[in-house]
Amino acid sequence: MDDRDITNPSEVTAEEPGGLEQSMQKLADIIARMEKGGMELEKTFALYKEGLAKLAQCKEAIDRVEKELEILEEGGDDDGNAE
């Protein structure tokens, strides 16, 4: 396991194994577990922090794709240069 603090969204990258779809599924699983309830407060809080980290990861991945799409629509490469 690495030394990143998954509770700190700035240390979570969009390049996690499994891609955006897996991250979104993990986030949905976390939400479902929290909605089900019946957990101790500490476990609920840990899941909340994990969910925030996954949400940040998903947002970063989506933002990156949106930026790439904008570049493609403008007719440039991923360095912002026209082809």
Protein backbone atom coordinates (compact mmCIF):
# COMPACT_ATOMS: atom_id res chain seq x y z
CA MET A 1 0.00 0.00 0.00
CA ASP A 2 1.26 3.53 -0.75
CA ASP A 3 1.68 6.41 1.69
CA ARG A 4 -0.91 8.77 0.19
CA ASP A 5 -3.51 10.24 2.51
CA ILE A 6 -6.74 9.24 0.75
CA THR A 7 -8.65 11.63 3.00
CA ASN A 8 -6.81 14.52 1.34
CA PRO A 9 -8.33 15.01 -2.12
CA SER A 10 -5.20 16.81 -3.35
CA GLU A 11 -3.27 13.52 -2.98
CA VAL A 12 -5.74 11.46 -5.00
CA THR A 13 -5.12 11.28 -8.73
CA ALA A 14 -7.31 10.41 -11.65
CA GLU A 15 -4.81 7.77 -12.73
CA GLU A 16 -5.92 5.16 -10.20
CA PRO A 17 -6.15 1.57 -11.44
CA GLY A 18 -9.54 0.72 -12.93
CA GLY A 19 -10.36 4.13 -14.28
CA LEU A 20 -13.27 6.45 -13.79
CA GLU A 21 -15.97 3.79 -14.01
CA GLN A 22 -14.47 1.77 -11.17
CA SER A 23 -14.07 4.89 -9.04
CA MET A 24 -17.68 5.88 -9.66
CA GLN A 25 -18.85 2.37 -8.76
CA LYS A 26 -16.81 2.48 -5.54
CA LEU A 27 -18.38 5.86 -4.72
CA ALA A 28 -21.86 4.43 -5.34
CA ASP A 29 -21.04 1.49 -3.05
CA ILE A 30 -19.88 3.85 -0.31
CA ILE A 31 -23.07 5.89 -0.60
CA ALA A 32 -25.23 2.75 -0.44
CA ARG A 33 -23.43 1.51 2.67
CA MET A 34 -23.85 4.87 4.38
CA GLU A 35 -27.53 5.09 3.45
CA LYS A 36 -28.12 1.62 4.83
CA GLY A 37 -26.96 2.84 8.23
CA GLY A 38 -26.38 0.73 11.31
CA MET A 39 -22.65 1.44 11.46
CA GLU A 40 -20.65 2.93 14.27
CA LEU A 41 -19.94 6.63 13.98
CA GLU A 42 -16.22 6.07 13.40
CA LYS A 43 -16.88 3.68 10.49
CA THR A 44 -19.43 6.06 8.99
CA PHE A 45 -16.94 8.93 9.21
CA ALA A 46 -14.20 6.80 7.63
CA LEU A 47 -16.53 5.94 4.74
CA TYR A 48 -17.45 9.62 4.40
CA LYS A 49 -13.79 10.57 4.07
CA GLU A 50 -13.20 7.77 1.58
CA GLY A 51 -16.21 8.97 -0.40
CA LEU A 52 -14.87 12.51 -0.50
CA ALA A 53 -11.56 11.21 -1.84
CA LYS A 54 -13.31 9.12 -4.52
CA LEU A 55 -15.49 12.09 -5.47
CA ALA A 56 -12.39 14.26 -5.89
CA GLN A 57 -10.78 11.50 -7.97
CA CYS A 58 -13.83 11.28 -10.23
CA LYS A 59 -14.02 15.05 -10.62
CA GLU A 60 -10.34 15.23 -11.55
CA ALA A 61 -10.77 12.52 -14.19
CA ILE A 62 -13.86 14.20 -15.64
CA ASP A 63 -12.14 17.59 -15.69
CA ARG A 64 -9.15 16.08 -17.50
CA VAL A 65 -11.37 14.50 -20.16
CA GLU A 66 -13.31 17.73 -20.62
CA LYS A 67 -10.06 19.62 -21.14
CA GLU A 68 -8.89 17.05 -23.70
CA LEU A 69 -12.23 17.34 -25.53
CA GLU A 70 -11.93 21.12 -25.64
CA ILE A 71 -8.45 20.79 -27.13
CA LEU A 72 -9.71 18.33 -29.74
CA GLU A 73 -12.64 20.58 -30.63
CA GLU A 74 -10.22 23.48 -31.13
CA GLY A 75 -8.15 21.29 -33.47
CA GLY A 76 -5.04 21.19 -31.31
CA ASP A 77 -3.04 18.39 -29.76
CA ASP A 78 -2.79 17.72 -26.03
CA ASP A 79 -0.08 20.42 -25.72
CA GLY A 80 -2.49 23.03 -27.01
CA ASN A 81 -0.75 23.26 -30.39
CA ALA A 82 -2.73 23.29 -33.60
CA GLU A 83 -2.11 20.35 -35.88
